[in-house]
Amino acid sequence: MSNSKSPAQEYIAVIDLGSNSFNLIIARKLGLFRPIIKRFNITVQLAKYLNSDNFLLPEGIERCCNALKSIQEFISHFEDNIEVRANATYTIRSTKNQNELLAKIKEVFPHKINILSGVEEASTIFQGIALSNPITERFVAVDIGGGSTEIILSDNLKPQFLTSKNLGCVSFTQKYFNEGIISRELFDKAFVDACNIFREELDNPIVQSFVNCKHAVGSSGTIKNTLLRVRNGLKDVDKRLTYLLENPREDHQLYNKELILDLLAKVKVFQEKYHNQNYLNAQSLDDLLELILLNKSSAQLVYHGFDASGRLVLIGGLVILKALFATFHFEKLTYSDSALREGILYSDHKHDIFRKIKLVTVQNLRHKFKIVNKLFNDFYHHALVIVQHDKFLQQEFSSQDIYNYCVFMLVGHSISDDDFVKHSSYIINNSTMYGFSSQEISQINQFLEALNANNCDYNNPINRLALLMELAYDFTFSSFNKLIKQSLVKVYFSHANGLIDKLILAIDENELASNPYISDNLIRINKTLDKFGLICEIKSL
């Protein structure tokens, strides 16, 4: 298998040799776009086997080689049709017996391993985060790894400061919570030390200027798992604790009825405060920590639904996360699905790929779902013209935005003409929307929900966009399309209080009398208008 880049290679394998886990993604090459077709990770906890003298212990070398052997077996199925990009981070770059480790790796893994410096790692993480978080305002990007934590300060999607600090969820858990013991005293000691490490950077005026920044974006398992539990209001934890009370396991060493009752009471309060909150702030993190620190060991975190590998390193990651909040005082932290691996995946397009990735994402959807016929251009034209009649939408949505929404609406057509919007909703919900912010994705989903709904609040701008786009679709995929081009049908709207309140169709008298399809088309248009509470008036042309 060749490790070199070749135009003939259809796939890319990105391997991230991290301090906690080794991660693999397989992507297909489609022009500028790299749709991911496979992901998996192997928990290695390499940082755990780095001793105080920075030598990787034999067991760590063995675990590293076993994981890479498994990865090599998987990617070998692609033969010479795959380009391999393997990158190592903190633990491998820090170990003093690196040459010994790389020699052992070469026996089972024939590809070159690029060892990233701390700054290179931070820069690549930023490239990945920017793909799915195109935030032009100032923001802080953080990644809590197994052995290091990367911090990037961004303004107008350009990194103003990058650093990699030598503390991670594995190394901090091992240092302060050895043997899985959890206590408030240990947590506070670790927290002070983490804060001291981060505050070393505050002498830098650029860093100081980002203190109290409104928005932060984080990647890594610690942030993902923490935010997930805040967003669902610990709903699964509630169910698990209730089940344990109803089905006691008195014989099990972890079973503690008093702890379960205490947790359950606090979980219910937590649910009321944070259910559906899609970001972390200092208060929600502190409230979650209050629950976590009721436990005396990492094994008891099973009550909170963390898997075995996550439980072992969670507490160290939470220390670092709280220290980041305490140092930078950002108002809210959201999660990024893309980070280091995605940055590596697009590393051959370094020239601000995240500034044009939105267009690439849309074009890929159009290509993948074969929205290439002439009717699409007609649909887009009708949509542009009709949206101009709503002054608010005209100001809020550019012609490119309307183009994008035309694609989002039609992707389901490749599956079925019937109920195609339901298929479109499923496709968009299960596609990687690089370039679109979480707010934009939420808006797209709201648009598709409005198209699927039986009735909608017409005062909502996104619902109005859905109505006008649906009318554009009705005009395009019917006999009206040809008649409008021939000026035998003209489309007007009347307004009340600045909003469209009526569709007016002026139809040629002869067509109205003789064209058998017009009545069927009008039935469909009226059905669209009905769910928004609007009417259609017919006039002779």
Protein backbone atom coordinates (compact mmCIF):
# COMPACT_ATOMS: atom_id res chain seq x y z
CA MET A 1 0.00 0.00 0.00
CA SER A 2 1.38 3.36 -1.02
CA ASN A 3 1.55 6.16 1.51
CA SER A 4 2.15 8.80 -1.15
CA LYS A 5 -0.49 11.11 -2.52
CA SER A 6 -1.86 10.08 -5.90
CA PRO A 7 -4.67 11.52 -8.01
CA ALA A 8 -5.92 7.98 -8.48
CA GLN A 9 -6.48 7.46 -4.76
CA GLU A 10 -10.18 7.86 -4.02
CA TYR A 11 -9.96 7.79 -0.21
CA ILE A 12 -8.07 9.43 2.64
CA ALA A 13 -7.40 7.85 6.02
CA VAL A 14 -6.66 10.29 8.83
CA ILE A 15 -5.21 8.74 11.97
CA ASP A 16 -4.83 10.76 15.15
CA LEU A 17 -2.44 9.09 17.61
CA GLY A 18 -3.69 10.90 20.70
CA SER A 19 -2.72 10.59 24.34
CA ASN A 20 -6.08 9.06 25.30
CA SER A 21 -7.29 7.35 22.14
CA PHE A 22 -6.27 6.61 18.58
CA ASN A 23 -8.89 7.84 16.13
CA LEU A 24 -9.42 6.93 12.50
CA ILE A 25 -11.60 8.59 9.90
CA ILE A 26 -11.98 7.45 6.31
CA ALA A 27 -13.12 10.06 3.79
CA ARG A 28 -13.87 10.01 0.10
CA LYS A 29 -12.21 12.56 -2.20
CA LEU A 30 -14.85 14.59 -4.05
CA GLY A 31 -13.15 17.68 -5.40
CA LEU A 32 -12.62 20.04 -2.49
CA PHE A 33 -15.06 18.10 -0.34
CA ARG A 34 -14.13 15.16 1.90
CA PRO A 35 -17.31 13.36 3.03
CA ILE A 36 -16.48 11.04 5.94
CA ILE A 37 -17.70 7.48 5.43
CA LYS A 38 -16.23 5.77 8.51
CA ARG A 39 -15.10 6.72 12.01
CA PHE A 40 -13.84 4.66 14.90
CA ASN A 41 -11.51 5.01 17.86
CA ILE A 42 -9.49 2.74 20.10
CA THR A 43 -8.93 3.75 23.72
CA VAL A 44 -5.19 3.46 24.37
CA GLN A 45 -4.58 5.95 27.23
CA LEU A 46 -0.98 6.33 26.14
CA ALA A 47 -0.33 9.22 28.54
CA LYS A 48 -0.99 6.85 31.43
CA TYR A 49 2.18 4.93 30.52
CA LEU A 50 4.45 7.99 30.33
CA ASN A 51 6.55 7.93 33.51
CA SER A 52 7.86 10.91 35.47
CA ASP A 53 11.06 10.91 33.38
CA ASN A 54 9.00 11.07 30.16
CA PHE A 55 9.81 7.53 29.07
CA LEU A 56 6.98 5.52 27.56
CA LEU A 57 6.73 2.23 29.45
CA PRO A 58 6.81 -1.11 27.56
CA GLU A 59 3.11 -1.67 28.20
CA GLY A 60 2.36 1.69 26.56
CA ILE A 61 4.47 0.78 23.53
CA GLU A 62 2.63 -2.54 23.26
CA ARG A 63 -0.79 -0.89 23.49
CA CYS A 64 0.23 1.65 20.85
CA CYS A 65 1.41 -1.05 18.44
CA ASN A 66 -1.65 -3.23 18.99
CA ALA A 67 -3.97 -0.32 18.20
CA LEU A 68 -2.06 0.61 15.04
CA LYS A 69 -2.01 -3.02 13.95
CA SER A 70 -5.82 -3.07 14.14
CA ILE A 71 -6.06 0.19 12.21
CA GLN A 72 -3.67 -1.11 9.54
CA GLU A 73 -5.75 -4.27 9.12
CA PHE A 74 -8.80 -2.10 8.47
CA ILE A 75 -7.27 0.33 5.98
CA SER A 76 -5.48 -2.47 4.11
CA HIS A 77 -8.86 -3.38 2.58
CA PHE A 78 -8.55 -0.21 0.48
CA GLU A 79 -5.26 -1.51 -0.99
CA ASP A 80 -3.52 1.26 -3.00
CA ASN A 81 -6.68 3.33 -3.29
CA ILE A 82 -6.16 5.25 -0.04
CA GLU A 83 -3.86 8.05 1.10
CA VAL A 84 -2.81 7.69 4.74
CA ARG A 85 -2.21 10.72 6.96
CA ALA A 86 -1.05 9.64 10.42
CA ASN A 87 -0.29 12.30 13.03
CA ALA A 88 0.94 12.00 16.61
CA THR A 89 0.40 14.51 19.40
CA TYR A 90 1.53 15.17 22.97
CA THR A 91 2.58 11.78 24.36
CA ILE A 92 4.53 10.58 21.33
CA ARG A 93 6.18 13.97 20.78
CA SER A 94 7.13 14.14 24.49
CA THR A 95 8.48 10.66 25.09
CA LYS A 96 12.27 10.44 25.38
CA ASN A 97 12.35 6.94 23.89
CA GLN A 98 10.58 8.14 20.75
CA ASN A 99 13.02 6.37 18.40
CA GLU A 100 12.42 3.04 20.13
CA LEU A 101 8.66 3.57 19.89
CA LEU A 102 8.75 4.51 16.18
CA ALA A 103 10.91 1.48 15.38
CA LYS A 104 8.36 -0.81 17.05
CA ILE A 105 5.49 0.95 15.26
CA LYS A 106 7.18 0.45 11.88
CA GLU A 107 7.00 -3.31 12.36
CA VAL A 108 3.18 -3.25 12.27
CA PHE A 109 2.33 0.06 10.59
CA PRO A 110 4.16 0.89 7.32
CA HIS A 111 3.10 4.53 6.99
CA LYS A 112 4.98 7.68 7.93
CA ILE A 113 3.87 9.27 11.21
CA ASN A 114 3.98 13.05 11.33
CA ILE A 115 4.73 14.22 14.87
CA LEU A 116 3.03 17.56 15.43
CA SER A 117 4.57 20.22 17.64
CA GLY A 118 2.26 21.81 20.21
CA VAL A 119 1.73 24.91 18.07
CA GLU A 120 1.17 22.80 14.94
CA GLU A 121 -1.40 20.76 16.83
CA ALA A 122 -3.19 23.92 18.00
CA SER A 123 -3.16 25.37 14.47
CA THR A 124 -4.56 22.17 12.95
CA ILE A 125 -7.25 21.96 15.63
CA PHE A 126 -8.27 25.52 14.79
CA GLN A 127 -8.51 24.69 11.07
CA GLY A 128 -10.85 21.81 11.95
CA ILE A 129 -12.97 23.80 14.40
CA ALA A 130 -13.34 26.66 11.90
CA LEU A 131 -14.82 24.28 9.31
CA SER A 132 -18.01 23.80 11.32
CA ASN A 133 -17.84 27.00 13.40
CA PRO A 134 -17.38 29.90 10.95
CA ILE A 135 -17.47 32.53 13.70
CA THR A 136 -16.10 35.86 12.50
CA GLU A 137 -16.38 37.46 15.95
CA ARG A 138 -13.68 36.96 18.57
CA PHE A 139 -13.83 33.55 20.21
CA VAL A 140 -11.71 31.12 22.22
CA ALA A 141 -11.17 27.60 20.86
CA VAL A 142 -10.08 24.88 23.29
CA ASP A 143 -9.28 21.20 22.97
CA ILE A 144 -8.75 19.06 26.08
CA GLY A 145 -6.65 16.11 25.00
CA GLY A 146 -5.26 13.21 26.97
CA GLY A 147 -1.87 14.80 27.63
CA SER A 148 -2.19 18.41 26.53
CA THR A 149 -4.73 21.19 26.17
CA GLU A 150 -4.66 23.49 23.16
CA ILE A 151 -5.94 27.07 23.27
CA ILE A 152 -6.51 29.22 20.19
CA LEU A 153 -7.73 32.83 20.26
CA SER A 154 -9.50 33.80 17.04
CA ASP A 155 -10.62 37.09 15.53
CA ASN A 156 -12.27 37.19 12.09
CA LEU A 157 -11.44 33.49 11.67
CA LYS A 158 -7.72 34.17 12.04
CA PRO A 159 -5.77 32.79 15.01
CA GLN A 160 -4.28 35.64 17.03
CA PHE A 161 -2.62 33.34 19.58
CA LEU A 162 -1.99 29.60 19.81
CA THR A 163 -0.56 27.52 22.61
CA SER A 164 -0.38 23.95 23.84
CA LYS A 165 -0.20 23.39 27.60
CA ASN A 166 1.06 20.17 29.13
CA LEU A 167 -2.04 19.09 31.00
CA GLY A 168 -4.69 16.67 29.78
CA CYS A 169 -7.55 14.54 31.04
CA VAL A 170 -5.41 11.38 31.30
CA SER A 171 -2.32 12.98 32.84
CA PHE A 172 -4.31 15.08 35.33
CA THR A 173 -6.50 12.17 36.37
CA GLN A 174 -3.42 10.03 36.90
CA LYS A 175 -1.64 12.75 38.89
CA TYR A 176 -4.46 13.82 41.21
CA PHE A 177 -7.06 11.05 41.18
CA ASN A 178 -4.90 7.95 41.17
CA GLU A 179 -6.74 4.65 41.63
CA GLY A 180 -10.04 6.34 40.76
CA ILE A 181 -10.51 8.15 44.09
CA ILE A 182 -12.66 11.32 43.87
CA SER A 183 -12.96 14.03 46.52
CA ARG A 184 -13.61 17.76 46.70
CA GLU A 185 -10.20 18.27 48.31
CA LEU A 186 -8.36 16.54 45.46
CA PHE A 187 -10.44 18.38 42.89
CA ASP A 188 -9.71 21.79 44.42
CA LYS A 189 -5.97 21.08 44.54
CA ALA A 190 -5.93 19.99 40.89
CA PHE A 191 -8.05 23.01 39.94
CA VAL A 192 -5.63 25.50 41.53
CA ASP A 193 -2.70 23.88 39.71
CA ALA A 194 -4.55 23.94 36.36
CA CYS A 195 -5.44 27.61 36.82
CA ASN A 196 -1.82 28.44 37.57
CA ILE A 197 -0.72 26.75 34.33
CA PHE A 198 -3.26 28.64 32.21
CA ARG A 199 -2.64 31.97 33.94
CA GLU A 200 0.99 31.88 32.83
CA GLU A 201 -0.32 33.17 29.50
CA LEU A 202 -2.20 36.17 30.93
CA ASP A 203 0.91 38.38 30.83
CA ASN A 204 0.50 38.37 27.06
CA PRO A 205 -1.64 41.43 26.11
CA ILE A 206 -3.33 39.49 23.29
CA VAL A 207 -4.41 36.77 25.72
CA GLN A 208 -5.51 39.36 28.27
CA SER A 209 -7.72 41.00 25.64
CA PHE A 210 -9.66 37.74 25.20
CA VAL A 211 -10.58 37.46 28.89
CA ASN A 212 -14.38 37.83 29.24
CA CYS A 213 -14.82 36.80 25.61
CA LYS A 214 -18.48 35.95 25.02
CA HIS A 215 -18.06 32.75 23.05
CA ALA A 216 -15.83 29.69 23.30
CA VAL A 217 -15.86 26.54 21.19
CA GLY A 218 -14.51 23.27 22.52
CA SER A 219 -13.69 19.88 21.10
CA SER A 220 -12.76 16.60 22.80
CA GLY A 221 -14.64 13.89 24.66
CA THR A 222 -14.71 15.76 27.98
CA ILE A 223 -16.57 18.72 26.49
CA LYS A 224 -18.85 16.57 24.31
CA ASN A 225 -19.91 14.33 27.20
CA THR A 226 -20.37 17.23 29.61
CA LEU A 227 -22.47 19.27 27.21
CA LEU A 228 -24.55 16.22 26.25
CA ARG A 229 -25.56 15.73 29.87
CA VAL A 230 -26.46 19.39 30.27
CA ARG A 231 -28.48 19.44 27.06
CA ASN A 232 -30.60 16.40 27.91
CA GLY A 233 -30.96 17.56 31.52
CA LEU A 234 -29.48 14.29 32.82
CA LYS A 235 -32.65 12.58 31.58
CA ASP A 236 -30.88 9.24 31.14
CA VAL A 237 -29.32 9.57 34.59
CA ASP A 238 -32.79 10.09 36.08
CA LYS A 239 -34.03 6.90 34.40
CA ARG A 240 -30.99 4.92 35.51
CA LEU A 241 -31.21 6.03 39.14
CA THR A 242 -34.97 5.43 39.29
CA TYR A 243 -34.46 1.92 37.93
CA LEU A 244 -31.78 1.19 40.55
CA LEU A 245 -34.12 2.28 43.34
CA GLU A 246 -36.92 0.11 41.99
CA ASN A 247 -34.55 -2.81 41.37
CA PRO A 248 -31.99 -2.61 44.20
CA ARG A 249 -28.69 -4.47 43.89
CA GLU A 250 -27.75 -4.62 47.57
CA ASP A 251 -25.19 -7.34 46.85
CA HIS A 252 -23.22 -5.16 44.40
CA GLN A 253 -20.24 -3.28 45.84
CA LEU A 254 -21.13 -0.09 43.95
CA TYR A 255 -24.75 0.01 45.10
CA ASN A 256 -25.33 2.87 47.55
CA LYS A 257 -28.99 3.68 48.17
CA GLU A 258 -28.26 6.86 50.12
CA LEU A 259 -26.07 8.19 47.30
CA ILE A 260 -28.67 7.27 44.67
CA LEU A 261 -31.43 9.13 46.57
CA ASP A 262 -29.21 12.19 46.97
CA LEU A 263 -28.23 12.13 43.30
CA LEU A 264 -31.82 11.67 42.14
CA ALA A 265 -33.07 14.69 44.09
CA LYS A 266 -30.32 16.91 42.67
CA VAL A 267 -30.76 15.53 39.15
CA LYS A 268 -34.41 16.61 39.13
CA VAL A 269 -33.41 20.16 40.10
CA PHE A 270 -30.73 20.09 37.39
CA GLN A 271 -33.29 19.00 34.79
CA GLU A 272 -35.56 21.93 35.52
CA LYS A 273 -32.70 24.40 35.12
CA TYR A 274 -30.86 23.12 32.08
CA HIS A 275 -32.95 20.81 29.89
CA ASN A 276 -32.33 21.68 26.19
CA GLN A 277 -29.57 24.20 26.98
CA ASN A 278 -27.20 23.67 24.06
CA TYR A 279 -24.16 25.30 25.63
CA LEU A 280 -22.14 25.20 28.83
CA ASN A 281 -21.64 28.15 31.13
CA ALA A 282 -19.84 28.46 34.45
CA GLN A 283 -23.03 27.86 36.46
CA SER A 284 -24.19 24.75 34.59
CA LEU A 285 -20.68 23.30 34.86
CA ASP A 286 -20.56 23.99 38.62
CA ASP A 287 -23.98 22.41 39.11
CA LEU A 288 -22.90 19.32 37.18
CA LEU A 289 -19.68 19.15 39.20
CA GLU A 290 -21.70 19.23 42.40
CA LEU A 291 -23.36 16.01 41.25
CA ILE A 292 -20.12 14.42 40.06
CA LEU A 293 -18.33 15.17 43.34
CA LEU A 294 -20.99 13.37 45.37
CA ASN A 295 -19.30 10.21 44.10
CA LYS A 296 -16.29 8.84 45.92
CA SER A 297 -14.78 6.91 43.01
CA SER A 298 -14.71 7.01 39.22
CA ALA A 299 -16.47 3.63 39.19
CA GLN A 300 -19.58 5.29 40.66
CA LEU A 301 -19.78 7.55 37.60
CA VAL A 302 -21.60 4.63 36.00
CA TYR A 303 -24.68 6.23 37.63
CA HIS A 304 -24.16 9.17 35.26
CA GLY A 305 -24.00 7.01 32.14
CA PHE A 306 -20.31 7.43 31.34
CA ASP A 307 -18.74 4.41 29.65
CA ALA A 308 -15.83 2.57 31.22
CA SER A 309 -13.06 4.42 29.37
CA GLY A 310 -14.75 7.80 29.88
CA ARG A 311 -15.17 7.30 33.63
CA LEU A 312 -11.45 6.75 34.08
CA VAL A 313 -10.41 10.17 32.74
CA LEU A 314 -13.51 12.34 33.17
CA ILE A 315 -12.61 13.99 36.46
CA GLY A 316 -9.23 15.22 35.19
CA GLY A 317 -10.92 16.67 32.11
CA LEU A 318 -13.52 18.46 34.25
CA VAL A 319 -10.78 20.06 36.35
CA ILE A 320 -9.21 21.48 33.19
CA LEU A 321 -12.57 22.61 31.83
CA LYS A 322 -13.41 24.50 35.03
CA ALA A 323 -9.94 26.08 35.03
CA LEU A 324 -10.49 27.31 31.46
CA PHE A 325 -13.76 28.96 32.52
CA ALA A 326 -12.04 30.49 35.56
CA THR A 327 -9.14 31.85 33.48
CA PHE A 328 -10.96 33.22 30.44
CA HIS A 329 -14.42 33.89 31.92
CA PHE A 330 -16.17 33.18 28.62
CA GLU A 331 -19.96 33.41 28.79
CA LYS A 332 -20.75 30.18 27.00
CA LEU A 333 -18.99 27.18 25.51
CA THR A 334 -20.38 25.21 22.58
CA TYR A 335 -19.13 21.92 21.14
CA SER A 336 -17.43 21.41 17.79
CA ASP A 337 -17.80 18.11 15.96
CA SER A 338 -14.72 18.90 13.91
CA ALA A 339 -11.22 19.50 15.23
CA LEU A 340 -7.76 17.97 14.71
CA ARG A 341 -8.75 15.12 12.37
CA GLU A 342 -10.84 17.37 10.15
CA GLY A 343 -8.04 19.93 10.12
CA ILE A 344 -5.68 17.22 8.85
CA LEU A 345 -8.29 16.03 6.35
CA TYR A 346 -8.40 19.48 4.73
CA SER A 347 -4.72 20.31 5.27
CA ASP A 348 -4.07 20.29 1.51
CA HIS A 349 -6.53 23.21 1.19
CA LYS A 350 -5.03 25.60 3.71
CA HIS A 351 -5.98 28.81 1.95
CA ASP A 352 -8.97 29.72 4.07
CA ILE A 353 -10.92 26.62 3.04
CA PHE A 354 -13.34 27.33 5.90
CA ARG A 355 -14.31 30.61 4.20
CA LYS A 356 -15.61 28.78 1.13
CA ILE A 357 -16.48 25.42 2.67
CA LYS A 358 -20.16 26.37 2.98
CA LEU A 359 -20.45 26.59 -0.80
CA VAL A 360 -18.50 23.35 -1.18
CA THR A 361 -20.92 21.63 1.25
CA VAL A 362 -23.96 22.78 -0.74
CA GLN A 363 -22.45 21.86 -4.09
CA ASN A 364 -21.55 18.42 -2.77
CA LEU A 365 -25.16 17.87 -1.67
CA ARG A 366 -26.38 18.95 -5.09
CA HIS A 367 -23.92 16.64 -6.83
CA LYS A 368 -24.45 13.68 -4.50
CA PHE A 369 -28.24 13.79 -4.77
CA LYS A 370 -28.24 14.61 -8.49
CA ILE A 371 -29.97 17.99 -8.36
CA VAL A 372 -28.54 18.89 -11.74
CA ASN A 373 -31.52 19.23 -14.06
CA LYS A 374 -32.76 22.39 -15.73
CA LEU A 375 -35.79 22.56 -13.44
CA PHE A 376 -33.51 23.39 -10.51
CA ASN A 377 -32.49 26.64 -12.20
CA ASP A 378 -36.15 27.46 -12.83
CA PHE A 379 -36.96 26.69 -9.19
CA TYR A 380 -34.13 28.91 -7.99
CA HIS A 381 -35.28 31.74 -10.30
CA HIS A 382 -38.89 31.52 -9.07
CA ALA A 383 -37.71 31.42 -5.44
CA LEU A 384 -35.52 34.51 -5.91
CA VAL A 385 -38.36 36.49 -7.50
CA ILE A 386 -40.99 35.45 -4.95
CA VAL A 387 -38.83 36.06 -1.86
CA GLN A 388 -38.31 39.65 -3.05
CA HIS A 389 -41.96 40.30 -2.16
CA ASP A 390 -41.19 39.88 1.57
CA LYS A 391 -39.08 42.89 2.59
CA PHE A 392 -37.73 41.26 5.75
CA LEU A 393 -36.68 38.06 3.96
CA GLN A 394 -35.20 40.11 1.13
CA GLN A 395 -32.89 41.83 3.62
CA GLU A 396 -32.04 38.74 5.67
CA PHE A 397 -31.39 36.19 2.90
CA SER A 398 -28.91 36.70 0.08
CA SER A 399 -29.28 35.13 -3.35
CA GLN A 400 -26.70 32.52 -2.24
CA ASP A 401 -28.81 31.74 0.84
CA ILE A 402 -31.87 31.18 -1.38
CA TYR A 403 -29.78 28.92 -3.62
CA ASN A 404 -28.71 26.91 -0.57
CA TYR A 405 -32.27 26.52 0.67
CA CYS A 406 -33.36 25.34 -2.79
CA VAL A 407 -30.78 22.56 -2.51
CA PHE A 408 -31.78 21.67 1.07
CA MET A 409 -35.40 21.41 -0.01
CA LEU A 410 -34.74 19.21 -3.06
CA VAL A 411 -32.14 16.69 -1.84
CA GLY A 412 -34.92 14.24 -0.96
CA HIS A 413 -36.15 14.21 -4.57
CA SER A 414 -33.50 11.62 -5.42
CA ILE A 415 -35.25 9.15 -3.12
CA SER A 416 -38.90 9.80 -3.97
CA ASP A 417 -41.17 12.47 -5.42
CA ASP A 418 -43.75 11.63 -2.76
CA ASP A 419 -43.06 13.21 0.63
CA PHE A 420 -39.64 14.22 -0.66
CA VAL A 421 -39.29 16.95 1.98
CA LYS A 422 -39.36 14.29 4.72
CA HIS A 423 -36.45 12.61 2.97
CA SER A 424 -34.73 15.99 2.67
CA SER A 425 -35.07 16.51 6.44
CA TYR A 426 -33.52 13.12 7.13
CA ILE A 427 -30.64 13.73 4.72
CA ILE A 428 -29.79 17.18 6.10
CA ASN A 429 -30.02 15.95 9.70
CA ASN A 430 -27.56 13.17 8.89
CA SER A 431 -25.12 15.18 6.76
CA THR A 432 -21.97 16.94 7.91
CA MET A 433 -22.77 20.61 7.30
CA TYR A 434 -19.27 22.10 7.19
CA GLY A 435 -19.30 25.88 7.06
CA PHE A 436 -22.71 26.25 8.70
CA SER A 437 -22.91 27.38 12.31
CA SER A 438 -25.10 25.54 14.82
CA GLN A 439 -27.56 28.46 14.64
CA GLU A 440 -27.73 28.21 10.84
CA ILE A 441 -28.25 24.44 11.00
CA SER A 442 -31.05 24.94 13.52
CA GLN A 443 -32.64 27.45 11.13
CA ILE A 444 -32.38 25.01 8.21
CA ASN A 445 -34.05 22.30 10.28
CA GLN A 446 -36.81 24.73 11.27
CA PHE A 447 -37.34 25.55 7.58
CA LEU A 448 -37.68 21.85 6.69
CA GLU A 449 -40.01 21.25 9.64
CA ALA A 450 -42.25 24.07 8.39
CA LEU A 451 -42.39 22.45 4.95
CA ASN A 452 -43.48 19.18 6.58
CA ALA A 453 -45.99 20.74 8.98
CA ASN A 454 -49.77 20.86 8.49
CA ASN A 455 -50.01 24.43 9.81
CA CYS A 456 -47.48 27.12 10.67
CA ASP A 457 -47.20 30.47 12.42
CA TYR A 458 -46.99 32.89 9.51
CA ASN A 459 -45.39 35.60 11.68
CA ASN A 460 -42.23 33.50 11.96
CA PRO A 461 -39.79 34.60 9.20
CA ILE A 462 -38.45 31.07 8.60
CA ASN A 463 -42.00 29.78 8.20
CA ARG A 464 -42.69 32.55 5.68
CA LEU A 465 -39.57 31.54 3.78
CA ALA A 466 -40.89 27.96 3.74
CA LEU A 467 -44.22 29.16 2.32
CA LEU A 468 -42.63 31.20 -0.46
CA MET A 469 -40.20 28.41 -1.34
CA GLU A 470 -43.07 25.93 -1.44
CA LEU A 471 -44.98 28.25 -3.79
CA ALA A 472 -41.86 28.53 -5.97
CA TYR A 473 -41.76 24.73 -6.07
CA ASP A 474 -45.47 24.57 -7.00
CA PHE A 475 -44.91 27.02 -9.86
CA THR A 476 -41.80 25.19 -11.11
CA PHE A 477 -42.95 21.58 -11.03
CA SER A 478 -46.30 22.14 -12.75
CA SER A 479 -47.77 23.49 -15.97
CA PHE A 480 -47.48 26.98 -14.47
CA ASN A 481 -43.73 26.99 -15.16
CA LYS A 482 -44.20 27.13 -18.93
CA LEU A 483 -47.20 29.47 -18.69
CA ILE A 484 -45.28 31.97 -16.55
CA LYS A 485 -42.43 31.99 -19.09
CA GLN A 486 -44.96 32.63 -21.87
CA SER A 487 -46.54 35.47 -19.83
CA LEU A 488 -49.85 33.59 -19.83
CA VAL A 489 -49.75 33.57 -16.01
CA LYS A 490 -48.53 36.45 -13.86
CA VAL A 491 -47.88 36.27 -10.12
CA TYR A 492 -48.67 39.12 -7.71
CA PHE A 493 -49.01 39.49 -3.95
CA SER A 494 -50.99 41.87 -1.78
CA HIS A 495 -49.67 43.00 1.61
CA ALA A 496 -51.06 43.94 5.01
CA ASN A 497 -48.86 45.44 7.74
CA GLY A 498 -45.81 44.76 5.61
CA LEU A 499 -46.52 41.02 5.22
CA ILE A 500 -47.93 39.12 2.26
CA ASP A 501 -51.58 38.34 2.93
CA LYS A 502 -52.79 37.13 -0.46
CA LEU A 503 -51.47 35.45 -3.61
CA ILE A 504 -52.95 36.90 -6.79
CA LEU A 505 -52.72 34.91 -10.03
CA ALA A 506 -53.61 36.62 -13.28
CA ILE A 507 -54.30 33.87 -15.83
CA ASP A 508 -54.97 34.15 -19.54
CA GLU A 509 -58.71 33.61 -20.12
CA ASN A 510 -58.21 31.04 -22.88
CA GLU A 511 -55.79 29.02 -20.75
CA LEU A 512 -58.12 29.20 -17.79
CA ALA A 513 -60.97 27.86 -19.92
CA SER A 514 -59.10 25.22 -21.90
CA ASN A 515 -56.08 24.02 -19.91
CA PRO A 516 -57.16 20.93 -17.91
CA TYR A 517 -54.10 21.05 -15.63
CA ILE A 518 -54.67 24.51 -14.17
CA SER A 519 -57.42 23.42 -11.76
CA ASP A 520 -55.23 20.62 -10.36
CA ASN A 521 -52.32 23.03 -9.94
CA LEU A 522 -54.55 25.53 -8.15
CA ILE A 523 -55.70 22.83 -5.72
CA ARG A 524 -52.07 22.17 -4.79
CA ILE A 525 -51.29 25.88 -4.41
CA ASN A 526 -54.34 26.44 -2.20
CA LYS A 527 -53.29 23.50 -0.05
CA THR A 528 -49.91 25.17 0.47
CA LEU A 529 -51.54 28.50 1.34
CA ASP A 530 -54.07 26.90 3.72
CA LYS A 531 -51.49 25.80 6.26
CA PHE A 532 -50.33 29.41 6.56
CA GLY A 533 -53.86 30.84 6.65
CA LEU A 534 -53.56 32.66 3.31
CA ILE A 535 -55.79 32.70 0.23
CA CYS A 536 -55.39 32.83 -3.54
CA GLU A 537 -57.31 35.23 -5.77
CA ILE A 538 -57.71 34.43 -9.48
CA LYS A 539 -57.98 37.20 -12.06
CA SER A 540 -58.29 37.20 -15.82
CA LEU A 541 -55.30 38.35 -17.81
